[in-house]
Amino acid sequence: MMTTTTTPDDDARRAALRRLGLFGLLARWEEVRHREWLPSVIDYEQSERQRRSLQRRLHFARLGSFKPLCDFDWHWPKKIDRAAVEELSSLEFLTEPANVVLIGPNSTGKTTIAKNLAHLALLGGYTARFTTASAMLNDLAAQDSAAALNRRLRHYCRPAVLICDELGYLSYDARYADLLFEVVTRRYQHRSTIITTNKPFAEWNQVFPNAASVVTIIDRLVHKAEIITIDGDSYCLKEAKERAAHKARRRKERTR
């Protein structure tokens, strides 16, 4: 009776065929195992599925356009912990999972950093979703039934990374605070949440006046969190001034 010798390559290829659902090839394993085209077929199928998966996750994430972190002007902010931001880029915070809170004035790079972290997570195989605080809270508040609200809560609680941008630019009533509390609580210790805000925690009672849940929201966000404080002038204002100066020079040159 002839026995078939199984090699580590055979085991790896059969496992890949099962993972890819190519059961027709598995059923004819002895016939195809030595074919030269088999490794290429497996590689093609894996690459295409990875590409389509990334495409779906990028579409769901809704990151929009953003400046890559390699083009970030680290010298513009008066205060920023570059080493801490670069450490976050390793995505180790996702394995805990831990939250990230970026605190600083308007247009100092908070959203840029958050979007870059989300993009790295997507490339690493994670799911992500970007939203502004106002868009998320208005969406949740607009649901007209408990079932509809639960569906939308799952939408925001399912991704491995949720970026909640621009918290603190508007104020909300207690109902909105309760909705944020629900999102933070459901994600607590299971998923990573990235918050960008222009308000230090001591001023969050101005964002949600008279809301009893604010202390608990902060407590659960910072329990396991990387908190990065940025200080500086508006980068958008800097670019606007530079653009205006450039246009003024061009006009002056044309009139000579």
C-alpha atoms as a PDB file:
ATOM      1  CA  MET A   1       0.000   0.000   0.000  1.00  0.00           C
ATOM      2  CA  MET A   2       1.488   3.339  -1.150  1.00  0.00           C
ATOM      3  CA  THR A   3       1.578   6.177   1.351  1.00  0.00           C
ATOM      4  CA  THR A   4       1.672   9.851   0.495  1.00  0.00           C
ATOM      5  CA  THR A   5       4.344  11.982   2.127  1.00  0.00           C
ATOM      6  CA  THR A   6       3.039  15.336   3.322  1.00  0.00           C
ATOM      7  CA  THR A   7       5.437  18.278   3.382  1.00  0.00           C
ATOM      8  CA  PRO A   8       5.120  21.566   5.320  1.00  0.00           C
ATOM      9  CA  ASP A   9       4.423  23.295   1.972  1.00  0.00           C
ATOM     10  CA  ASP A  10       1.574  20.851   1.340  1.00  0.00           C
ATOM     11  CA  ASP A  11       0.059  21.602   4.757  1.00  0.00           C
ATOM     12  CA  ALA A  12       0.341  25.352   4.228  1.00  0.00           C
ATOM     13  CA  ARG A  13      -1.224  25.179   0.764  1.00  0.00           C
ATOM     14  CA  ARG A  14      -4.101  22.969   1.885  1.00  0.00           C
ATOM     15  CA  ALA A  15      -4.763  25.356   4.792  1.00  0.00           C
ATOM     16  CA  ALA A  16      -4.761  28.269   2.331  1.00  0.00           C
ATOM     17  CA  LEU A  17      -7.216  26.470   0.043  1.00  0.00           C
ATOM     18  CA  ARG A  18      -9.571  25.858   2.972  1.00  0.00           C
ATOM     19  CA  ARG A  19      -9.285  29.488   4.095  1.00  0.00           C
ATOM     20  CA  LEU A  20     -10.021  30.688   0.566  1.00  0.00           C
ATOM     21  CA  GLY A  21     -12.898  28.254   0.106  1.00  0.00           C
ATOM     22  CA  LEU A  22     -11.325  26.598  -2.952  1.00  0.00           C
ATOM     23  CA  PHE A  23     -12.806  23.217  -2.114  1.00  0.00           C
ATOM     24  CA  GLY A  24     -12.730  21.969  -5.708  1.00  0.00           C
ATOM     25  CA  LEU A  25      -8.947  22.053  -5.638  1.00  0.00           C
ATOM     26  CA  LEU A  26      -8.930  20.465  -2.182  1.00  0.00           C
ATOM     27  CA  ALA A  27     -11.106  17.614  -3.439  1.00  0.00           C
ATOM     28  CA  ARG A  28      -8.545  16.952  -6.195  1.00  0.00           C
ATOM     29  CA  TRP A  29      -5.529  17.511  -3.981  1.00  0.00           C
ATOM     30  CA  GLU A  30      -3.504  14.519  -5.140  1.00  0.00           C
ATOM     31  CA  GLU A  31      -4.071  15.570  -8.732  1.00  0.00           C
ATOM     32  CA  VAL A  32      -3.075  19.237  -8.312  1.00  0.00           C
ATOM     33  CA  ARG A  33      -0.564  19.231  -5.445  1.00  0.00           C
ATOM     34  CA  HIS A  34       2.475  19.076  -7.754  1.00  0.00           C
ATOM     35  CA  ARG A  35       1.175  21.409 -10.441  1.00  0.00           C
ATOM     36  CA  GLU A  36       3.440  24.408 -11.000  1.00  0.00           C
ATOM     37  CA  TRP A  37       0.492  26.781 -11.222  1.00  0.00           C
ATOM     38  CA  LEU A  38      -0.937  25.965  -7.779  1.00  0.00           C
ATOM     39  CA  PRO A  39       1.208  28.426  -5.714  1.00  0.00           C
ATOM     40  CA  SER A  40       0.419  31.197  -8.215  1.00  0.00           C
ATOM     41  CA  VAL A  41      -3.330  30.505  -8.028  1.00  0.00           C
ATOM     42  CA  ILE A  42      -3.211  30.689  -4.221  1.00  0.00           C
ATOM     43  CA  ASP A  43      -1.161  33.916  -4.304  1.00  0.00           C
ATOM     44  CA  TYR A  44      -3.488  35.523  -6.869  1.00  0.00           C
ATOM     45  CA  GLU A  45      -6.590  34.639  -4.881  1.00  0.00           C
ATOM     46  CA  GLN A  46      -5.131  35.822  -1.558  1.00  0.00           C
ATOM     47  CA  SER A  47      -3.893  39.101  -3.057  1.00  0.00           C
ATOM     48  CA  GLU A  48      -7.214  39.875  -4.731  1.00  0.00           C
ATOM     49  CA  ARG A  49      -9.209  39.129  -1.602  1.00  0.00           C
ATOM     50  CA  GLN A  50      -6.898  41.309   0.480  1.00  0.00           C
ATOM     51  CA  ARG A  51      -7.233  44.123  -2.073  1.00  0.00           C
ATOM     52  CA  ARG A  52     -11.032  43.887  -2.124  1.00  0.00           C
ATOM     53  CA  SER A  53     -11.173  43.701   1.674  1.00  0.00           C
ATOM     54  CA  LEU A  54      -9.031  46.839   2.009  1.00  0.00           C
ATOM     55  CA  GLN A  55     -11.175  48.613  -0.599  1.00  0.00           C
ATOM     56  CA  ARG A  56     -14.349  47.797   1.348  1.00  0.00           C
ATOM     57  CA  ARG A  57     -12.828  48.915   4.644  1.00  0.00           C
ATOM     58  CA  LEU A  58     -11.529  52.157   3.137  1.00  0.00           C
ATOM     59  CA  HIS A  59     -14.980  52.905   1.722  1.00  0.00           C
ATOM     60  CA  PHE A  60     -16.651  52.237   5.073  1.00  0.00           C
ATOM     61  CA  ALA A  61     -14.080  54.311   6.996  1.00  0.00           C
ATOM     62  CA  ARG A  62     -15.010  57.583   5.216  1.00  0.00           C
ATOM     63  CA  LEU A  63     -11.620  59.142   5.933  1.00  0.00           C
ATOM     64  CA  GLY A  64     -11.732  61.596   3.049  1.00  0.00           C
ATOM     65  CA  SER A  65      -8.548  63.424   2.068  1.00  0.00           C
ATOM     66  CA  PHE A  66      -5.761  64.038   4.565  1.00  0.00           C
ATOM     67  CA  LYS A  67      -2.082  64.969   4.684  1.00  0.00           C
ATOM     68  CA  PRO A  68       0.254  62.003   5.246  1.00  0.00           C
ATOM     69  CA  LEU A  69       2.096  62.067   8.540  1.00  0.00           C
ATOM     70  CA  CYS A  70       5.429  62.104   6.672  1.00  0.00           C
ATOM     71  CA  ASP A  71       4.487  65.633   5.475  1.00  0.00           C
ATOM     72  CA  PHE A  72       3.427  66.820   8.925  1.00  0.00           C
ATOM     73  CA  ASP A  73       5.236  69.994  10.042  1.00  0.00           C
ATOM     74  CA  TRP A  74       6.446  68.935  13.487  1.00  0.00           C
ATOM     75  CA  HIS A  75       8.095  72.329  14.020  1.00  0.00           C
ATOM     76  CA  TRP A  76       4.870  74.339  13.729  1.00  0.00           C
ATOM     77  CA  PRO A  77       3.122  73.340  16.996  1.00  0.00           C
ATOM     78  CA  LYS A  78       4.597  74.970  20.080  1.00  0.00           C
ATOM     79  CA  LYS A  79       4.021  71.735  21.964  1.00  0.00           C
ATOM     80  CA  ILE A  80       3.598  68.174  20.669  1.00  0.00           C
ATOM     81  CA  ASP A  81       5.016  64.835  21.780  1.00  0.00           C
ATOM     82  CA  ARG A  82       6.280  63.513  18.450  1.00  0.00           C
ATOM     83  CA  ALA A  83       7.664  60.334  20.016  1.00  0.00           C
ATOM     84  CA  ALA A  84       4.242  59.497  21.478  1.00  0.00           C
ATOM     85  CA  VAL A  85       2.534  60.031  18.106  1.00  0.00           C
ATOM     86  CA  GLU A  86       5.098  57.866  16.321  1.00  0.00           C
ATOM     87  CA  GLU A  87       4.657  55.182  18.969  1.00  0.00           C
ATOM     88  CA  LEU A  88       0.917  55.187  18.272  1.00  0.00           C
ATOM     89  CA  SER A  89       1.749  54.535  14.614  1.00  0.00           C
ATOM     90  CA  SER A  90       2.912  51.055  15.640  1.00  0.00           C
ATOM     91  CA  LEU A  91      -0.796  50.324  16.396  1.00  0.00           C
ATOM     92  CA  GLU A  92       0.090  48.674  19.687  1.00  0.00           C
ATOM     93  CA  PHE A  93      -2.778  50.614  21.295  1.00  0.00           C
ATOM     94  CA  LEU A  94      -5.216  48.528  19.240  1.00  0.00           C
ATOM     95  CA  THR A  95      -4.089  45.276  20.810  1.00  0.00           C
ATOM     96  CA  GLU A  96      -4.949  46.389  24.384  1.00  0.00           C
ATOM     97  CA  PRO A  97      -7.307  47.992  23.202  1.00  0.00           C
ATOM     98  CA  ALA A  98      -6.657  51.558  24.398  1.00  0.00           C
ATOM     99  CA  ASN A  99      -8.168  54.911  23.456  1.00  0.00           C
ATOM    100  CA  VAL A 100      -6.414  57.978  22.072  1.00  0.00           C
ATOM    101  CA  VAL A 101      -7.400  61.538  23.012  1.00  0.00           C
ATOM    102  CA  LEU A 102      -5.869  64.418  21.057  1.00  0.00           C
ATOM    103  CA  ILE A 103      -6.369  67.763  22.808  1.00  0.00           C
ATOM    104  CA  GLY A 104      -5.485  71.134  21.323  1.00  0.00           C
ATOM    105  CA  PRO A 105      -6.656  74.345  19.662  1.00  0.00           C
ATOM    106  CA  ASN A 106      -8.252  74.440  16.237  1.00  0.00           C
ATOM    107  CA  SER A 107      -6.073  73.457  13.257  1.00  0.00           C
ATOM    108  CA  THR A 108      -3.027  72.164  15.092  1.00  0.00           C
ATOM    109  CA  GLY A 109      -2.945  68.709  13.469  1.00  0.00           C
ATOM    110  CA  LYS A 110      -5.311  66.657  15.639  1.00  0.00           C
ATOM    111  CA  THR A 111      -7.499  65.438  12.755  1.00  0.00           C
ATOM    112  CA  THR A 112      -4.468  64.773  10.547  1.00  0.00           C
ATOM    113  CA  ILE A 113      -2.934  62.542  13.208  1.00  0.00           C
ATOM    114  CA  ALA A 114      -6.243  60.753  13.863  1.00  0.00           C
ATOM    115  CA  LYS A 115      -6.832  60.042  10.161  1.00  0.00           C
ATOM    116  CA  ASN A 116      -3.283  58.767   9.696  1.00  0.00           C
ATOM    117  CA  LEU A 117      -3.701  56.367  12.622  1.00  0.00           C
ATOM    118  CA  ALA A 118      -6.980  55.130  11.153  1.00  0.00           C
ATOM    119  CA  HIS A 119      -5.377  54.658   7.732  1.00  0.00           C
ATOM    120  CA  LEU A 120      -2.526  52.654   9.245  1.00  0.00           C
ATOM    121  CA  ALA A 121      -5.093  50.515  11.070  1.00  0.00           C
ATOM    122  CA  LEU A 122      -6.905  49.845   7.786  1.00  0.00           C
ATOM    123  CA  LEU A 123      -3.652  48.818   6.108  1.00  0.00           C
ATOM    124  CA  GLY A 124      -3.039  46.531   9.089  1.00  0.00           C
ATOM    125  CA  GLY A 125      -6.310  44.692   8.488  1.00  0.00           C
ATOM    126  CA  TYR A 126      -8.473  46.509  11.063  1.00  0.00           C
ATOM    127  CA  THR A 127     -11.790  48.208  10.457  1.00  0.00           C
ATOM    128  CA  ALA A 128     -12.224  51.932  11.121  1.00  0.00           C
ATOM    129  CA  ARG A 129     -14.848  54.665  10.918  1.00  0.00           C
ATOM    130  CA  PHE A 130     -14.348  58.430  10.868  1.00  0.00           C
ATOM    131  CA  THR A 131     -17.095  60.815  11.960  1.00  0.00           C
ATOM    132  CA  THR A 132     -17.426  64.222  13.523  1.00  0.00           C
ATOM    133  CA  ALA A 133     -18.978  64.317  16.976  1.00  0.00           C
ATOM    134  CA  SER A 134     -21.888  66.426  15.699  1.00  0.00           C
ATOM    135  CA  ALA A 135     -22.624  64.078  12.771  1.00  0.00           C
ATOM    136  CA  MET A 136     -22.627  60.988  14.989  1.00  0.00           C
ATOM    137  CA  LEU A 137     -24.705  62.479  17.803  1.00  0.00           C
ATOM    138  CA  ASN A 138     -27.234  64.059  15.426  1.00  0.00           C
ATOM    139  CA  ASP A 139     -27.526  60.752  13.577  1.00  0.00           C
ATOM    140  CA  LEU A 140     -28.182  58.844  16.794  1.00  0.00           C
ATOM    141  CA  ALA A 141     -30.614  61.459  18.116  1.00  0.00           C
ATOM    142  CA  ALA A 142     -32.616  61.308  14.867  1.00  0.00           C
ATOM    143  CA  GLN A 143     -33.540  57.626  15.300  1.00  0.00           C
ATOM    144  CA  ASP A 144     -37.256  57.298  15.982  1.00  0.00           C
ATOM    145  CA  SER A 145     -37.352  53.923  17.731  1.00  0.00           C
ATOM    146  CA  ALA A 146     -35.304  51.845  20.147  1.00  0.00           C
ATOM    147  CA  ALA A 147     -34.633  49.267  17.413  1.00  0.00           C
ATOM    148  CA  ALA A 148     -33.420  51.912  14.965  1.00  0.00           C
ATOM    149  CA  LEU A 149     -31.200  53.463  17.631  1.00  0.00           C
ATOM    150  CA  ASN A 150     -29.657  50.093  18.454  1.00  0.00           C
ATOM    151  CA  ARG A 151     -28.880  49.521  14.778  1.00  0.00           C
ATOM    152  CA  ARG A 152     -27.095  52.874  14.516  1.00  0.00           C
ATOM    153  CA  LEU A 153     -25.250  52.272  17.779  1.00  0.00           C
ATOM    154  CA  ARG A 154     -23.953  48.979  16.353  1.00  0.00           C
ATOM    155  CA  HIS A 155     -22.809  50.921  13.275  1.00  0.00           C
ATOM    156  CA  TYR A 156     -20.566  53.108  15.445  1.00  0.00           C
ATOM    157  CA  CYS A 157     -19.569  50.412  17.930  1.00  0.00           C
ATOM    158  CA  ARG A 158     -18.583  47.664  15.478  1.00  0.00           C
ATOM    159  CA  PRO A 159     -15.331  49.090  13.960  1.00  0.00           C
ATOM    160  CA  ALA A 160     -12.042  48.327  15.678  1.00  0.00           C
ATOM    161  CA  VAL A 161     -11.249  52.051  15.537  1.00  0.00           C
ATOM    162  CA  LEU A 162     -13.802  54.865  15.838  1.00  0.00           C
ATOM    163  CA  ILE A 163     -12.566  58.418  15.222  1.00  0.00           C
ATOM    164  CA  CYS A 164     -14.864  60.995  16.829  1.00  0.00           C
ATOM    165  CA  ASP A 165     -13.607  64.341  15.546  1.00  0.00           C
ATOM    166  CA  GLU A 166     -14.183  67.906  16.758  1.00  0.00           C
ATOM    167  CA  LEU A 167     -15.761  67.184  20.123  1.00  0.00           C
ATOM    168  CA  GLY A 168     -16.037  70.471  21.975  1.00  0.00           C
ATOM    169  CA  TYR A 169     -16.745  72.910  19.163  1.00  0.00           C
ATOM    170  CA  LEU A 170     -20.496  72.768  19.835  1.00  0.00           C
ATOM    171  CA  SER A 171     -22.497  72.318  23.026  1.00  0.00           C
ATOM    172  CA  TYR A 172     -25.164  69.632  23.447  1.00  0.00           C
ATOM    173  CA  ASP A 173     -27.992  68.869  25.806  1.00  0.00           C
ATOM    174  CA  ALA A 174     -28.115  65.908  28.188  1.00  0.00           C
ATOM    175  CA  ARG A 175     -29.736  63.649  25.584  1.00  0.00           C
ATOM    176  CA  TYR A 176     -26.629  63.907  23.390  1.00  0.00           C
ATOM    177  CA  ALA A 177     -24.363  63.278  26.374  1.00  0.00           C
ATOM    178  CA  ASP A 178     -26.304  60.085  27.076  1.00  0.00           C
ATOM    179  CA  LEU A 179     -25.824  58.973  23.474  1.00  0.00           C
ATOM    180  CA  LEU A 180     -22.069  59.563  23.641  1.00  0.00           C
ATOM    181  CA  PHE A 181     -22.039  57.714  26.967  1.00  0.00           C
ATOM    182  CA  GLU A 182     -23.747  54.755  25.244  1.00  0.00           C
ATOM    183  CA  VAL A 183     -21.162  54.653  22.450  1.00  0.00           C
ATOM    184  CA  VAL A 184     -18.206  54.958  24.840  1.00  0.00           C
ATOM    185  CA  THR A 185     -19.644  52.347  27.205  1.00  0.00           C
ATOM    186  CA  ARG A 186     -20.325  49.805  24.459  1.00  0.00           C
ATOM    187  CA  ARG A 187     -16.814  50.226  23.090  1.00  0.00           C
ATOM    188  CA  TYR A 188     -15.202  50.291  26.543  1.00  0.00           C
ATOM    189  CA  GLN A 189     -12.407  47.667  26.840  1.00  0.00           C
ATOM    190  CA  HIS A 190     -13.400  46.092  23.498  1.00  0.00           C
ATOM    191  CA  ARG A 191     -12.579  48.662  20.812  1.00  0.00           C
ATOM    192  CA  SER A 192     -10.314  51.701  20.465  1.00  0.00           C
ATOM    193  CA  THR A 193     -11.824  55.176  20.218  1.00  0.00           C
ATOM    194  CA  ILE A 194      -9.885  58.211  19.005  1.00  0.00           C
ATOM    195  CA  ILE A 195     -11.249  61.557  20.193  1.00  0.00           C
ATOM    196  CA  THR A 196     -10.075  64.943  18.944  1.00  0.00           C
ATOM    197  CA  THR A 197     -11.140  67.900  21.049  1.00  0.00           C
ATOM    198  CA  ASN A 198     -10.291  71.562  21.617  1.00  0.00           C
ATOM    199  CA  LYS A 199     -11.375  71.333  25.254  1.00  0.00           C
ATOM    200  CA  PRO A 200      -9.411  69.901  28.175  1.00  0.00           C
ATOM    201  CA  PHE A 201     -11.421  67.424  30.249  1.00  0.00           C
ATOM    202  CA  ALA A 202     -12.067  70.045  32.933  1.00  0.00           C
ATOM    203  CA  GLU A 203     -14.129  72.009  30.388  1.00  0.00           C
ATOM    204  CA  TRP A 204     -16.246  69.146  29.035  1.00  0.00           C
ATOM    205  CA  ASN A 205     -19.101  70.286  31.288  1.00  0.00           C
ATOM    206  CA  GLN A 206     -19.309  73.252  28.902  1.00  0.00           C
ATOM    207  CA  VAL A 207     -19.833  70.843  25.995  1.00  0.00           C
ATOM    208  CA  PHE A 208     -22.548  68.931  27.839  1.00  0.00           C
ATOM    209  CA  PRO A 209     -24.020  71.385  30.377  1.00  0.00           C
ATOM    210  CA  ASN A 210     -25.966  69.770  33.202  1.00  0.00           C
ATOM    211  CA  ALA A 211     -25.277  66.232  31.937  1.00  0.00           C
ATOM    212  CA  ALA A 212     -24.722  63.743  34.753  1.00  0.00           C
ATOM    213  CA  SER A 213     -22.864  61.267  32.529  1.00  0.00           C
ATOM    214  CA  VAL A 214     -19.901  63.530  31.637  1.00  0.00           C
ATOM    215  CA  VAL A 215     -17.691  62.318  34.508  1.00  0.00           C
ATOM    216  CA  THR A 216     -18.314  58.681  33.596  1.00  0.00           C
ATOM    217  CA  ILE A 217     -17.645  59.337  29.886  1.00  0.00           C
ATOM    218  CA  ILE A 218     -14.261  60.855  30.741  1.00  0.00           C
ATOM    219  CA  ASP A 219     -13.481  58.115  33.251  1.00  0.00           C
ATOM    220  CA  ARG A 220     -14.048  55.335  30.709  1.00  0.00           C
ATOM    221  CA  LEU A 221     -12.229  57.157  27.921  1.00  0.00           C
ATOM    222  CA  VAL A 222      -9.071  57.743  29.978  1.00  0.00           C
ATOM    223  CA  HIS A 223      -9.038  54.429  31.883  1.00  0.00           C
ATOM    224  CA  LYS A 224      -6.715  53.018  29.220  1.00  0.00           C
ATOM    225  CA  ALA A 225      -5.765  55.909  26.982  1.00  0.00           C
ATOM    226  CA  GLU A 226      -2.931  57.707  25.311  1.00  0.00           C
ATOM    227  CA  ILE A 227      -3.534  61.435  25.859  1.00  0.00           C
ATOM    228  CA  ILE A 228      -1.615  63.820  23.617  1.00  0.00           C
ATOM    229  CA  THR A 229      -1.807  67.556  24.173  1.00  0.00           C
ATOM    230  CA  ILE A 230      -0.929  69.867  21.296  1.00  0.00           C
ATOM    231  CA  ASP A 231      -0.441  73.604  21.610  1.00  0.00           C
ATOM    232  CA  GLY A 232       0.160  76.168  18.900  1.00  0.00           C
ATOM    233  CA  ASP A 233      -1.359  78.575  16.426  1.00  0.00           C
ATOM    234  CA  SER A 234      -3.702  77.603  13.607  1.00  0.00           C
ATOM    235  CA  TYR A 235      -1.851  75.901  10.759  1.00  0.00           C
ATOM    236  CA  CYS A 236      -4.700  76.773   8.385  1.00  0.00           C
ATOM    237  CA  LEU A 237      -4.258  80.453   9.244  1.00  0.00           C
ATOM    238  CA  LYS A 238      -0.506  80.104   8.620  1.00  0.00           C
ATOM    239  CA  GLU A 239      -1.150  78.555   5.186  1.00  0.00           C
ATOM    240  CA  ALA A 240      -3.751  81.215   4.363  1.00  0.00           C
ATOM    241  CA  LYS A 241      -1.261  83.995   5.167  1.00  0.00           C
ATOM    242  CA  GLU A 242       1.431  82.306   3.095  1.00  0.00           C
ATOM    243  CA  ARG A 243      -0.965  81.896   0.160  1.00  0.00           C
ATOM    244  CA  ALA A 244      -2.031  85.548   0.378  1.00  0.00           C
ATOM    245  CA  ALA A 245       1.608  86.668   0.482  1.00  0.00           C
ATOM    246  CA  HIS A 246       2.439  84.484  -2.526  1.00  0.00           C
ATOM    247  CA  LYS A 247      -0.460  85.895  -4.544  1.00  0.00           C
ATOM    248  CA  ALA A 248       0.548  89.447  -3.586  1.00  0.00           C
ATOM    249  CA  ARG A 249       4.089  88.810  -4.852  1.00  0.00           C
ATOM    250  CA  ARG A 250       2.776  87.422  -8.128  1.00  0.00           C
ATOM    251  CA  ARG A 251       0.507  90.436  -8.648  1.00  0.00           C
ATOM    252  CA  LYS A 252       3.403  92.766  -7.930  1.00  0.00           C
ATOM    253  CA  GLU A 253       5.613  90.957 -10.438  1.00  0.00           C
ATOM    254  CA  ARG A 254       2.945  91.167 -13.165  1.00  0.00           C
ATOM    255  CA  THR A 255       2.616  94.941 -12.735  1.00  0.00           C
ATOM    256  CA  ARG A 256       6.320  95.612 -13.188  1.00  0.00           C
END
